[in-house]
């Protein structure tokens, strides 16, 4: 039987993603002008920040509700990355004022079903 991965394997990635993501978002939001490259860097830093923030939560959920065979570490990273993609997609859709409750729920349902 495999042993589940410890959080120690995710610690450096989590800290790097959180620090780079949230500090980059702060710099983009408060210290830059709204040009194209600032917008794209906003999406990149938001993806990093949301993924890094979701990684410990996803790890905890896998520890709290284990499956019969323990998940591999790439599954935890992939699911945390989906949280980041979801948040960045909603931010991108908000640029065109397209985000409604039905879009939020439909996109979440589609990502959960995938």
PDB file of N, CA and C in Angstrom:
ATOM      1  N   UNK A   1       0.835  -1.183   0.000  1.00  0.00           N
ATOM      2  CA  UNK A   1       0.000   0.000   0.000  1.00  0.00           C
ATOM      3  C   UNK A   1       0.878   1.244   0.000  1.00  0.00           C
ATOM      4  N   UNK A   2       0.503   2.197  -0.812  1.00  0.00           N
ATOM      5  CA  UNK A   2       1.268   3.432  -0.901  1.00  0.00           C
ATOM      6  C   UNK A   2       0.999   4.318   0.306  1.00  0.00           C
ATOM      7  N   UNK A   3       1.988   5.101   0.651  1.00  0.00           N
ATOM      8  CA  UNK A   3       1.780   6.077   1.709  1.00  0.00           C
ATOM      9  C   UNK A   3       1.388   7.402   1.064  1.00  0.00           C
ATOM     10  N   UNK A   4       0.469   8.128   1.672  1.00  0.00           N
ATOM     11  CA  UNK A   4       0.067   9.411   1.089  1.00  0.00           C
ATOM     12  C   UNK A   4       1.205  10.420   1.200  1.00  0.00           C
ATOM     13  N   UNK A   5       1.274  11.372   0.284  1.00  0.00           N
ATOM     14  CA  UNK A   5       2.353  12.365   0.351  1.00  0.00           C
ATOM     15  C   UNK A   5       2.178  13.267   1.568  1.00  0.00           C
ATOM     16  N   UNK A   6       3.295  13.672   2.133  1.00  0.00           N
ATOM     17  CA  UNK A   6       3.245  14.587   3.271  1.00  0.00           C
ATOM     18  C   UNK A   6       3.181  16.017   2.752  1.00  0.00           C
ATOM     19  N   UNK A   7       2.768  16.921   3.622  1.00  0.00           N
ATOM     20  CA  UNK A   7       2.680  18.321   3.196  1.00  0.00           C
ATOM     21  C   UNK A   7       4.053  18.931   2.989  1.00  0.00           C
ATOM     22  N   UNK A   8       5.058  18.306   3.557  1.00  0.00           N
ATOM     23  CA  UNK A   8       6.423  18.809   3.404  1.00  0.00           C
ATOM     24  C   UNK A   8       6.842  18.850   1.933  1.00  0.00           C
ATOM     25  N   UNK A   9       6.306  17.929   1.128  1.00  0.00           N
ATOM     26  CA  UNK A   9       6.640  17.929  -0.298  1.00  0.00           C
ATOM     27  C   UNK A   9       6.031  19.123  -1.018  1.00  0.00           C
ATOM     28  N   UNK A  10       4.964  19.686  -0.487  1.00  0.00           N
ATOM     29  CA  UNK A  10       4.301  20.826  -1.122  1.00  0.00           C
ATOM     30  C   UNK A  10       4.691  22.161  -0.507  1.00  0.00           C
ATOM     31  N   UNK A  11       5.451  22.142   0.569  1.00  0.00           N
ATOM     32  CA  UNK A  11       5.691  23.363   1.332  1.00  0.00           C
ATOM     33  C   UNK A  11       6.454  24.419   0.539  1.00  0.00           C
ATOM     34  N   UNK A  12       7.524  24.040  -0.137  1.00  0.00           N
ATOM     35  CA  UNK A  12       8.296  25.044  -0.877  1.00  0.00           C
ATOM     36  C   UNK A  12       7.497  25.602  -2.050  1.00  0.00           C
ATOM     37  N   UNK A  13       6.776  24.738  -2.743  1.00  0.00           N
ATOM     38  CA  UNK A  13       5.956  25.217  -3.862  1.00  0.00           C
ATOM     39  C   UNK A  13       4.841  26.126  -3.367  1.00  0.00           C
ATOM     40  N   UNK A  14       4.236  25.765  -2.252  1.00  0.00           N
ATOM     41  CA  UNK A  14       3.157  26.581  -1.701  1.00  0.00           C
ATOM     42  C   UNK A  14       3.663  27.952  -1.289  1.00  0.00           C
ATOM     43  N   UNK A  15       4.768  27.983  -0.561  1.00  0.00           N
ATOM     44  CA  UNK A  15       5.313  29.269  -0.118  1.00  0.00           C
ATOM     45  C   UNK A  15       5.762  30.130  -1.288  1.00  0.00           C
ATOM     46  N   UNK A  16       6.397  29.513  -2.284  1.00  0.00           N
ATOM     47  CA  UNK A  16       6.841  30.278  -3.453  1.00  0.00           C
ATOM     48  C   UNK A  16       5.652  30.844  -4.222  1.00  0.00           C
ATOM     49  N   UNK A  17       4.631  30.028  -4.446  1.00  0.00           N
ATOM     50  CA  UNK A  17       3.461  30.504  -5.180  1.00  0.00           C
ATOM     51  C   UNK A  17       2.726  31.600  -4.417  1.00  0.00           C
ATOM     52  N   UNK A  18       2.590  31.438  -3.113  1.00  0.00           N
ATOM     53  CA  UNK A  18       1.883  32.449  -2.323  1.00  0.00           C
ATOM     54  C   UNK A  18       2.664  33.758  -2.299  1.00  0.00           C
ATOM     55  N   UNK A  19       3.951  33.688  -2.020  1.00  0.00           N
ATOM     56  CA  UNK A  19       4.745  34.916  -1.919  1.00  0.00           C
ATOM     57  C   UNK A  19       4.861  35.636  -3.257  1.00  0.00           C
ATOM     58  N   UNK A  20       5.204  34.908  -4.308  1.00  0.00           N
ATOM     59  CA  UNK A  20       5.347  35.541  -5.619  1.00  0.00           C
ATOM     60  C   UNK A  20       3.996  36.019  -6.135  1.00  0.00           C
ATOM     61  N   UNK A  21       2.965  35.197  -5.969  1.00  0.00           N
ATOM     62  CA  UNK A  21       1.653  35.553  -6.488  1.00  0.00           C
ATOM     63  C   UNK A  21       1.043  36.770  -5.817  1.00  0.00           C
ATOM     64  N   UNK A  22       0.964  36.760  -4.497  1.00  0.00           N
ATOM     65  CA  UNK A  22       0.309  37.872  -3.809  1.00  0.00           C
ATOM     66  C   UNK A  22       1.153  39.144  -3.838  1.00  0.00           C
ATOM     67  N   UNK A  23       2.481  39.030  -3.745  1.00  0.00           N
ATOM     68  CA  UNK A  23       3.301  40.244  -3.849  1.00  0.00           C
ATOM     69  C   UNK A  23       3.276  40.790  -5.273  1.00  0.00           C
ATOM     70  N   UNK A  24       3.259  39.914  -6.269  1.00  0.00           N
ATOM     71  CA  UNK A  24       3.130  40.377  -7.649  1.00  0.00           C
ATOM     72  C   UNK A  24       1.799  41.051  -7.904  1.00  0.00           C
ATOM     73  N   UNK A  25       0.727  40.509  -7.337  1.00  0.00           N
ATOM     74  CA  UNK A  25      -0.580  41.159  -7.468  1.00  0.00           C
ATOM     75  C   UNK A  25      -0.582  42.533  -6.811  1.00  0.00           C
ATOM     76  N   UNK A  26       0.054  42.648  -5.657  1.00  0.00           N
ATOM     77  CA  UNK A  26       0.137  43.946  -4.997  1.00  0.00           C
ATOM     78  C   UNK A  26       0.871  44.952  -5.870  1.00  0.00           C
ATOM     79  N   UNK A  27       1.993  44.530  -6.442  1.00  0.00           N
ATOM     80  CA  UNK A  27       2.776  45.431  -7.293  1.00  0.00           C
ATOM     81  C   UNK A  27       1.987  45.832  -8.529  1.00  0.00           C
ATOM     82  N   UNK A  28       1.322  44.877  -9.159  1.00  0.00           N
ATOM     83  CA  UNK A  28       0.555  45.184 -10.370  1.00  0.00           C
ATOM     84  C   UNK A  28      -0.616  46.109 -10.053  1.00  0.00           C
ATOM     85  N   UNK A  29      -1.301  45.867  -8.953  1.00  0.00           N
ATOM     86  CA  UNK A  29      -2.486  46.664  -8.647  1.00  0.00           C
ATOM     87  C   UNK A  29      -2.155  48.065  -8.149  1.00  0.00           C
ATOM     88  N   UNK A  30      -1.083  48.211  -7.396  1.00  0.00           N
ATOM     89  CA  UNK A  30      -0.811  49.495  -6.772  1.00  0.00           C
ATOM     90  C   UNK A  30       0.335  50.283  -7.392  1.00  0.00           C
ATOM     91  N   UNK A  31       1.218  49.644  -8.126  1.00  0.00           N
ATOM     92  CA  UNK A  31       2.403  50.352  -8.604  1.00  0.00           C
ATOM     93  C   UNK A  31       2.563  50.350 -10.120  1.00  0.00           C
ATOM     94  N   UNK A  32       1.563  49.954 -10.864  1.00  0.00           N
ATOM     95  CA  UNK A  32       1.705  49.938 -12.321  1.00  0.00           C
ATOM     96  C   UNK A  32       0.510  50.618 -12.970  1.00  0.00           C
ATOM     97  N   UNK A  33       0.712  51.015 -14.206  1.00  0.00           N
ATOM     98  CA  UNK A  33      -0.348  51.639 -14.985  1.00  0.00           C
ATOM     99  C   UNK A  33      -1.114  50.571 -15.749  1.00  0.00           C
ATOM    100  N   UNK A  34      -2.373  50.822 -16.069  1.00  0.00           N
ATOM    101  CA  UNK A  34      -3.202  49.781 -16.704  1.00  0.00           C
ATOM    102  C   UNK A  34      -2.927  49.621 -18.195  1.00  0.00           C
ATOM    103  N   UNK A  35      -1.810  49.019 -18.520  1.00  0.00           N
ATOM    104  CA  UNK A  35      -1.484  48.709 -19.904  1.00  0.00           C
ATOM    105  C   UNK A  35      -1.662  47.213 -20.140  1.00  0.00           C
ATOM    106  N   UNK A  36      -1.398  46.777 -21.362  1.00  0.00           N
ATOM    107  CA  UNK A  36      -1.645  45.383 -21.730  1.00  0.00           C
ATOM    108  C   UNK A  36      -0.778  44.429 -20.911  1.00  0.00           C
ATOM    109  N   UNK A  37       0.509  44.729 -20.772  1.00  0.00           N
ATOM    110  CA  UNK A  37       1.390  43.809 -20.053  1.00  0.00           C
ATOM    111  C   UNK A  37       1.050  43.748 -18.573  1.00  0.00           C
ATOM    112  N   UNK A  38       0.551  44.847 -18.032  1.00  0.00           N
ATOM    113  CA  UNK A  38       0.111  44.811 -16.635  1.00  0.00           C
ATOM    114  C   UNK A  38      -1.108  43.915 -16.468  1.00  0.00           C
ATOM    115  N   UNK A  39      -1.992  43.936 -17.463  1.00  0.00           N
ATOM    116  CA  UNK A  39      -3.178  43.082 -17.397  1.00  0.00           C
ATOM    117  C   UNK A  39      -2.792  41.613 -17.465  1.00  0.00           C
ATOM    118  N   UNK A  40      -1.890  41.270 -18.375  1.00  0.00           N
ATOM    119  CA  UNK A  40      -1.467  39.873 -18.482  1.00  0.00           C
ATOM    120  C   UNK A  40      -0.700  39.435 -17.248  1.00  0.00           C
ATOM    121  N   UNK A  41       0.120  40.321 -16.690  1.00  0.00           N
ATOM    122  CA  UNK A  41       0.831  39.942 -15.465  1.00  0.00           C
ATOM    123  C   UNK A  41      -0.143  39.806 -14.292  1.00  0.00           C
ATOM    124  N   UNK A  42      -1.241  40.572 -14.308  1.00  0.00           N
ATOM    125  CA  UNK A  42      -2.275  40.383 -13.286  1.00  0.00           C
ATOM    126  C   UNK A  42      -2.820  38.964 -13.335  1.00  0.00           C
ATOM    127  N   UNK A  43      -3.110  38.467 -14.531  1.00  0.00           N
ATOM    128  CA  UNK A  43      -3.655  37.116 -14.648  1.00  0.00           C
ATOM    129  C   UNK A  43      -2.635  36.059 -14.218  1.00  0.00           C
ATOM    130  N   UNK A  44      -1.383  36.261 -14.565  1.00  0.00           N
ATOM    131  CA  UNK A  44      -0.343  35.295 -14.180  1.00  0.00           C
ATOM    132  C   UNK A  44      -0.168  35.276 -12.663  1.00  0.00           C
ATOM    133  N   UNK A  45      -0.064  36.459 -12.066  1.00  0.00           N
ATOM    134  CA  UNK A  45       0.115  36.515 -10.614  1.00  0.00           C
ATOM    135  C   UNK A  45      -1.132  36.038  -9.870  1.00  0.00           C
ATOM    136  N   UNK A  46      -2.312  36.308 -10.414  1.00  0.00           N
ATOM    137  CA  UNK A  46      -3.538  35.821  -9.777  1.00  0.00           C
ATOM    138  C   UNK A  46      -3.601  34.301  -9.828  1.00  0.00           C
ATOM    139  N   UNK A  47      -3.181  33.716 -10.950  1.00  0.00           N
ATOM    140  CA  UNK A  47      -3.147  32.257 -11.051  1.00  0.00           C
ATOM    141  C   UNK A  47      -2.187  31.670 -10.024  1.00  0.00           C
ATOM    142  N   UNK A  48      -1.017  32.281  -9.880  1.00  0.00           N
ATOM    143  CA  UNK A  48      -0.051  31.793  -8.899  1.00  0.00           C
ATOM    144  C   UNK A  48      -0.574  31.949  -7.475  1.00  0.00           C
ATOM    145  N   UNK A  49      -1.180  33.095  -7.181  1.00  0.00           N
ATOM    146  CA  UNK A  49      -1.666  33.349  -5.823  1.00  0.00           C
ATOM    147  C   UNK A  49      -2.808  32.414  -5.452  1.00  0.00           C
ATOM    148  N   UNK A  50      -3.757  32.234  -6.353  1.00  0.00           N
ATOM    149  CA  UNK A  50      -4.893  31.364  -6.049  1.00  0.00           C
ATOM    150  C   UNK A  50      -4.480  29.898  -5.961  1.00  0.00           C
ATOM    151  N   UNK A  51      -3.558  29.486  -6.825  1.00  0.00           N
ATOM    152  CA  UNK A  51      -3.082  28.104  -6.773  1.00  0.00           C
ATOM    153  C   UNK A  51      -2.315  27.842  -5.481  1.00  0.00           C
ATOM    154  N   UNK A  52      -1.440  28.768  -5.117  1.00  0.00           N
ATOM    155  CA  UNK A  52      -0.689  28.601  -3.872  1.00  0.00           C
ATOM    156  C   UNK A  52      -1.565  28.618  -2.638  1.00  0.00           C
ATOM    157  N   UNK A  53      -2.616  29.421  -2.669  1.00  0.00           N
ATOM    158  CA  UNK A  53      -3.531  29.472  -1.539  1.00  0.00           C
ATOM    159  C   UNK A  53      -4.390  28.212  -1.458  1.00  0.00           C
ATOM    160  N   UNK A  54      -4.761  27.667  -2.607  1.00  0.00           N
ATOM    161  CA  UNK A  54      -5.625  26.486  -2.625  1.00  0.00           C
ATOM    162  C   UNK A  54      -4.870  25.194  -2.341  1.00  0.00           C
ATOM    163  N   UNK A  55      -3.564  25.179  -2.515  1.00  0.00           N
ATOM    164  CA  UNK A  55      -2.804  23.940  -2.352  1.00  0.00           C
ATOM    165  C   UNK A  55      -2.921  23.342  -0.951  1.00  0.00           C
ATOM    166  N   UNK A  56      -2.747  24.110   0.125  1.00  0.00           N
ATOM    167  CA  UNK A  56      -2.924  23.500   1.453  1.00  0.00           C
ATOM    168  C   UNK A  56      -4.362  23.060   1.721  1.00  0.00           C
ATOM    169  N   UNK A  57      -5.321  23.786   1.164  1.00  0.00           N
ATOM    170  CA  UNK A  57      -6.728  23.427   1.368  1.00  0.00           C
ATOM    171  C   UNK A  57      -7.048  22.111   0.674  1.00  0.00           C
ATOM    172  N   UNK A  58      -6.577  21.963  -0.557  1.00  0.00           N
ATOM    173  CA  UNK A  58      -6.809  20.718  -1.294  1.00  0.00           C
ATOM    174  C   UNK A  58      -6.096  19.559  -0.606  1.00  0.00           C
ATOM    175  N   UNK A  59      -4.879  19.800  -0.127  1.00  0.00           N
ATOM    176  CA  UNK A  59      -4.154  18.753   0.602  1.00  0.00           C
ATOM    177  C   UNK A  59      -4.931  18.337   1.853  1.00  0.00           C
ATOM    178  N   UNK A  60      -5.444  19.319   2.591  1.00  0.00           N
ATOM    179  CA  UNK A  60      -6.207  19.004   3.799  1.00  0.00           C
ATOM    180  C   UNK A  60      -7.465  18.205   3.463  1.00  0.00           C
ATOM    181  N   UNK A  61      -8.157  18.581   2.397  1.00  0.00           N
ATOM    182  CA  UNK A  61      -9.369  17.849   2.019  1.00  0.00           C
ATOM    183  C   UNK A  61      -9.055  16.403   1.649  1.00  0.00           C
ATOM    184  N   UNK A  62      -7.897  16.179   1.011  1.00  0.00           N
ATOM    185  CA  UNK A  62      -7.518  14.804   0.686  1.00  0.00           C
ATOM    186  C   UNK A  62      -7.105  14.022   1.934  1.00  0.00           C
ATOM    187  N   UNK A  63      -6.573  14.709   2.933  1.00  0.00           N
ATOM    188  CA  UNK A  63      -6.248  14.023   4.181  1.00  0.00           C
ATOM    189  C   UNK A  63      -7.504  13.750   5.004  1.00  0.00           C
ATOM    190  N   UNK A  64      -8.437  14.679   4.959  1.00  0.00           N
ATOM    191  CA  UNK A  64      -9.660  14.555   5.761  1.00  0.00           C
ATOM    192  C   UNK A  64     -10.619  13.526   5.187  1.00  0.00           C
ATOM    193  N   UNK A  65     -10.726  13.482   3.854  1.00  0.00           N
ATOM    194  CA  UNK A  65     -11.622  12.547   3.184  1.00  0.00           C
ATOM    195  C   UNK A  65     -10.809  11.666   2.240  1.00  0.00           C
ATOM    196  N   UNK A  66     -10.086  10.688   2.784  1.00  0.00           N
ATOM    197  CA  UNK A  66      -9.199   9.883   1.930  1.00  0.00           C
ATOM    198  C   UNK A  66      -9.979   8.911   1.056  1.00  0.00           C
ATOM    199  N   UNK A  67      -9.383   8.588  -0.084  1.00  0.00           N
ATOM    200  CA  UNK A  67      -9.950   7.546  -0.937  1.00  0.00           C
ATOM    201  C   UNK A  67      -9.313   6.215  -0.543  1.00  0.00           C
ATOM    202  N   UNK A  68      -9.722   5.145  -1.208  1.00  0.00           N
ATOM    203  CA  UNK A  68      -9.185   3.826  -0.853  1.00  0.00           C
ATOM    204  C   UNK A  68      -7.690   3.748  -1.128  1.00  0.00           C
ATOM    205  N   UNK A  69      -7.275   4.237  -2.273  1.00  0.00           N
ATOM    206  CA  UNK A  69      -5.840   4.316  -2.556  1.00  0.00           C
ATOM    207  C   UNK A  69      -5.423   5.778  -2.435  1.00  0.00           C
ATOM    208  N   UNK A  70      -4.311   6.056  -1.775  1.00  0.00           N
ATOM    209  CA  UNK A  70      -3.904   7.448  -1.581  1.00  0.00           C
ATOM    210  C   UNK A  70      -3.589   8.123  -2.918  1.00  0.00           C
ATOM    211  N   UNK A  71      -3.928   9.390  -2.995  1.00  0.00           N
ATOM    212  CA  UNK A  71      -3.698  10.126  -4.231  1.00  0.00           C
ATOM    213  C   UNK A  71      -2.219  10.464  -4.357  1.00  0.00           C
ATOM    214  N   UNK A  72      -1.795  10.647  -5.592  1.00  0.00           N
ATOM    215  CA  UNK A  72      -0.418  11.057  -5.836  1.00  0.00           C
ATOM    216  C   UNK A  72      -0.324  12.572  -5.710  1.00  0.00           C
ATOM    217  N   UNK A  73       0.890  13.060  -5.627  1.00  0.00           N
ATOM    218  CA  UNK A  73       1.076  14.491  -5.409  1.00  0.00           C
ATOM    219  C   UNK A  73       0.649  15.311  -6.620  1.00  0.00           C
ATOM    220  N   UNK A  74       0.758  14.750  -7.825  1.00  0.00           N
ATOM    221  CA  UNK A  74       0.357  15.526  -8.998  1.00  0.00           C
ATOM    222  C   UNK A  74      -1.150  15.761  -9.038  1.00  0.00           C
ATOM    223  N   UNK A  75      -1.933  14.899  -8.423  1.00  0.00           N
ATOM    224  CA  UNK A  75      -3.387  15.090  -8.370  1.00  0.00           C
ATOM    225  C   UNK A  75      -3.718  16.294  -7.495  1.00  0.00           C
ATOM    226  N   UNK A  76      -3.035  16.429  -6.380  1.00  0.00           N
ATOM    227  CA  UNK A  76      -3.280  17.553  -5.472  1.00  0.00           C
ATOM    228  C   UNK A  76      -2.888  18.862  -6.138  1.00  0.00           C
ATOM    229  N   UNK A  77      -1.752  18.878  -6.816  1.00  0.00           N
ATOM    230  CA  UNK A  77      -1.313  20.091  -7.511  1.00  0.00           C
ATOM    231  C   UNK A  77      -2.277  20.431  -8.644  1.00  0.00           C
ATOM    232  N   UNK A  78      -2.729  19.439  -9.372  1.00  0.00           N
ATOM    233  CA  UNK A  78      -3.649  19.682 -10.486  1.00  0.00           C
ATOM    234  C   UNK A  78      -4.972  20.255  -9.992  1.00  0.00           C
ATOM    235  N   UNK A  79      -5.493  19.738  -8.891  1.00  0.00           N
ATOM    236  CA  UNK A  79      -6.756  20.253  -8.375  1.00  0.00           C
ATOM    237  C   UNK A  79      -6.601  21.667  -7.829  1.00  0.00           C
ATOM    238  N   UNK A  80      -5.463  21.975  -7.224  1.00  0.00           N
ATOM    239  CA  UNK A  80      -5.220  23.343  -6.774  1.00  0.00           C
ATOM    240  C   UNK A  80      -5.068  24.281  -7.967  1.00  0.00           C
ATOM    241  N   UNK A  81      -4.467  23.785  -9.034  1.00  0.00           N
ATOM    242  CA  UNK A  81      -4.331  24.598 -10.243  1.00  0.00           C
ATOM    243  C   UNK A  81      -5.686  24.891 -10.868  1.00  0.00           C
ATOM    244  N   UNK A  82      -6.620  23.949 -10.782  1.00  0.00           N
ATOM    245  CA  UNK A  82      -7.969  24.191 -11.301  1.00  0.00           C
ATOM    246  C   UNK A  82      -8.657  25.317 -10.527  1.00  0.00           C
ATOM    247  N   UNK A  83      -8.396  25.434  -9.234  1.00  0.00           N
ATOM    248  CA  UNK A  83      -8.954  26.544  -8.455  1.00  0.00           C
ATOM    249  C   UNK A  83      -8.412  27.866  -8.987  1.00  0.00           C
ATOM    250  N   UNK A  84      -7.110  27.911  -9.274  1.00  0.00           N
ATOM    251  CA  UNK A  84      -6.525  29.120  -9.841  1.00  0.00           C
ATOM    252  C   UNK A  84      -7.076  29.446 -11.215  1.00  0.00           C
ATOM    253  N   UNK A  85      -7.238  28.441 -12.054  1.00  0.00           N
ATOM    254  CA  UNK A  85      -7.790  28.658 -13.395  1.00  0.00           C
ATOM    255  C   UNK A  85      -9.224  29.167 -13.298  1.00  0.00           C
ATOM    256  N   UNK A  86      -9.983  28.634 -12.368  1.00  0.00           N
ATOM    257  CA  UNK A  86     -11.368  29.077 -12.168  1.00  0.00           C
ATOM    258  C   UNK A  86     -11.414  30.553 -11.770  1.00  0.00           C
ATOM    259  N   UNK A  87     -10.589  30.946 -10.821  1.00  0.00           N
ATOM    260  CA  UNK A  87     -10.574  32.341 -10.377  1.00  0.00           C
ATOM    261  C   UNK A  87     -10.114  33.297 -11.456  1.00  0.00           C
ATOM    262  N   UNK A  88      -9.087  32.908 -12.206  1.00  0.00           N
ATOM    263  CA  UNK A  88      -8.581  33.768 -13.271  1.00  0.00           C
ATOM    264  C   UNK A  88      -9.591  33.863 -14.412  1.00  0.00           C
ATOM    265  N   UNK A  89     -10.275  32.774 -14.709  1.00  0.00           N
ATOM    266  CA  UNK A  89     -11.300  32.810 -15.752  1.00  0.00           C
ATOM    267  C   UNK A  89     -12.439  33.737 -15.359  1.00  0.00           C
ATOM    268  N   UNK A  90     -12.846  33.704 -14.102  1.00  0.00           N
ATOM    269  CA  UNK A  90     -13.888  34.626 -13.653  1.00  0.00           C
ATOM    270  C   UNK A  90     -13.408  36.079 -13.711  1.00  0.00           C
ATOM    271  N   UNK A  91     -12.153  36.327 -13.374  1.00  0.00           N
ATOM    272  CA  UNK A  91     -11.615  37.686 -13.468  1.00  0.00           C
ATOM    273  C   UNK A  91     -11.565  38.154 -14.917  1.00  0.00           C
ATOM    274  N   UNK A  92     -11.201  37.256 -15.833  1.00  0.00           N
ATOM    275  CA  UNK A  92     -11.151  37.607 -17.249  1.00  0.00           C
ATOM    276  C   UNK A  92     -12.551  37.884 -17.792  1.00  0.00           C
ATOM    277  N   UNK A  93     -13.523  37.073 -17.397  1.00  0.00           N
ATOM    278  CA  UNK A  93     -14.895  37.304 -17.839  1.00  0.00           C
ATOM    279  C   UNK A  93     -15.462  38.597 -17.256  1.00  0.00           C
ATOM    280  N   UNK A  94     -14.998  38.987 -16.086  1.00  0.00           N
ATOM    281  CA  UNK A  94     -15.482  40.218 -15.473  1.00  0.00           C
ATOM    282  C   UNK A  94     -15.025  41.448 -16.253  1.00  0.00           C
ATOM    283  N   UNK A  95     -13.950  41.345 -17.014  1.00  0.00           N
ATOM    284  CA  UNK A  95     -13.515  42.478 -17.835  1.00  0.00           C
ATOM    285  C   UNK A  95     -14.592  42.882 -18.832  1.00  0.00           C
ATOM    286  N   UNK A  96     -15.303  41.913 -19.376  1.00  0.00           N
ATOM    287  CA  UNK A  96     -16.386  42.192 -20.302  1.00  0.00           C
ATOM    288  C   UNK A  96     -17.738  42.264 -19.627  1.00  0.00           C
ATOM    289  N   UNK A  97     -17.764  42.303 -18.304  1.00  0.00           N
ATOM    290  CA  UNK A  97     -18.999  42.340 -17.519  1.00  0.00           C
ATOM    291  C   UNK A  97     -19.919  41.172 -17.855  1.00  0.00           C
ATOM    292  N   UNK A  98     -19.336  39.987 -17.970  1.00  0.00           N
ATOM    293  CA  UNK A  98     -20.089  38.795 -18.331  1.00  0.00           C
ATOM    294  C   UNK A  98     -20.378  37.872 -17.155  1.00  0.00           C
ATOM    295  N   UNK A  99     -19.897  38.214 -15.983  1.00  0.00           N
ATOM    296  CA  UNK A  99     -20.037  37.317 -14.836  1.00  0.00           C
ATOM    297  C   UNK A  99     -21.394  37.542 -14.172  1.00  0.00           C
ATOM    298  N   UNK A 100     -22.186  36.489 -14.154  1.00  0.00           N
ATOM    299  CA  UNK A 100     -23.451  36.473 -13.422  1.00  0.00           C
ATOM    300  C   UNK A 100     -23.427  35.257 -12.498  1.00  0.00           C
ATOM    301  N   UNK A 101     -24.448  35.128 -11.705  1.00  0.00           N
ATOM    302  CA  UNK A 101     -24.525  33.976 -10.811  1.00  0.00           C
ATOM    303  C   UNK A 101     -24.570  32.678 -11.603  1.00  0.00           C
ATOM    304  N   UNK A 102     -25.271  32.692 -12.729  1.00  0.00           N
ATOM    305  CA  UNK A 102     -25.382  31.480 -13.540  1.00  0.00           C
ATOM    306  C   UNK A 102     -24.057  31.120 -14.207  1.00  0.00           C
ATOM    307  N   UNK A 103     -23.285  32.121 -14.582  1.00  0.00           N
ATOM    308  CA  UNK A 103     -21.961  31.851 -15.154  1.00  0.00           C
ATOM    309  C   UNK A 103     -21.042  31.277 -14.082  1.00  0.00           C
ATOM    310  N   UNK A 104     -21.089  31.839 -12.883  1.00  0.00           N
ATOM    311  CA  UNK A 104     -20.254  31.342 -11.783  1.00  0.00           C
ATOM    312  C   UNK A 104     -20.594  29.887 -11.471  1.00  0.00           C
ATOM    313  N   UNK A 105     -21.885  29.597 -11.330  1.00  0.00           N
ATOM    314  CA  UNK A 105     -22.299  28.235 -10.997  1.00  0.00           C
ATOM    315  C   UNK A 105     -22.076  27.268 -12.154  1.00  0.00           C
ATOM    316  N   UNK A 106     -22.331  27.713 -13.378  1.00  0.00           N
ATOM    317  CA  UNK A 106     -22.134  26.843 -14.539  1.00  0.00           C
ATOM    318  C   UNK A 106     -20.676  26.504 -14.757  1.00  0.00           C
ATOM    319  N   UNK A 107     -19.803  27.502 -14.611  1.00  0.00           N
ATOM    320  CA  UNK A 107     -18.373  27.244 -14.765  1.00  0.00           C
ATOM    321  C   UNK A 107     -17.859  26.348 -13.643  1.00  0.00           C
ATOM    322  N   UNK A 108     -18.325  26.577 -12.427  1.00  0.00           N
ATOM    323  CA  UNK A 108     -17.917  25.711 -11.313  1.00  0.00           C
ATOM    324  C   UNK A 108     -18.420  24.290 -11.521  1.00  0.00           C
ATOM    325  N   UNK A 109     -19.655  24.149 -11.965  1.00  0.00           N
ATOM    326  CA  UNK A 109     -20.189  22.810 -12.230  1.00  0.00           C
ATOM    327  C   UNK A 109     -19.439  22.101 -13.336  1.00  0.00           C
ATOM    328  N   UNK A 110     -19.068  22.841 -14.373  1.00  0.00           N
ATOM    329  CA  UNK A 110     -18.301  22.233 -15.460  1.00  0.00           C
ATOM    330  C   UNK A 110     -16.914  21.806 -15.030  1.00  0.00           C
ATOM    331  N   UNK A 111     -16.262  22.611 -14.192  1.00  0.00           N
ATOM    332  CA  UNK A 111     -14.926  22.241 -13.728  1.00  0.00           C
ATOM    333  C   UNK A 111     -14.976  21.097 -12.722  1.00  0.00           C
ATOM    334  N   UNK A 112     -16.016  21.053 -11.911  1.00  0.00           N
ATOM    335  CA  UNK A 112     -16.138  19.949 -10.955  1.00  0.00           C
ATOM    336  C   UNK A 112     -16.445  18.647 -11.678  1.00  0.00           C
ATOM    337  N   UNK A 113     -17.258  18.722 -12.726  1.00  0.00           N
ATOM    338  CA  UNK A 113     -17.623  17.515 -13.472  1.00  0.00           C
ATOM    339  C   UNK A 113     -16.463  16.986 -14.305  1.00  0.00           C
ATOM    340  N   UNK A 114     -15.507  17.851 -14.636  1.00  0.00           N
ATOM    341  CA  UNK A 114     -14.400  17.424 -15.506  1.00  0.00           C
ATOM    342  C   UNK A 114     -13.396  16.582 -14.813  1.00  0.00           C
TER     343      UNK A 114
END
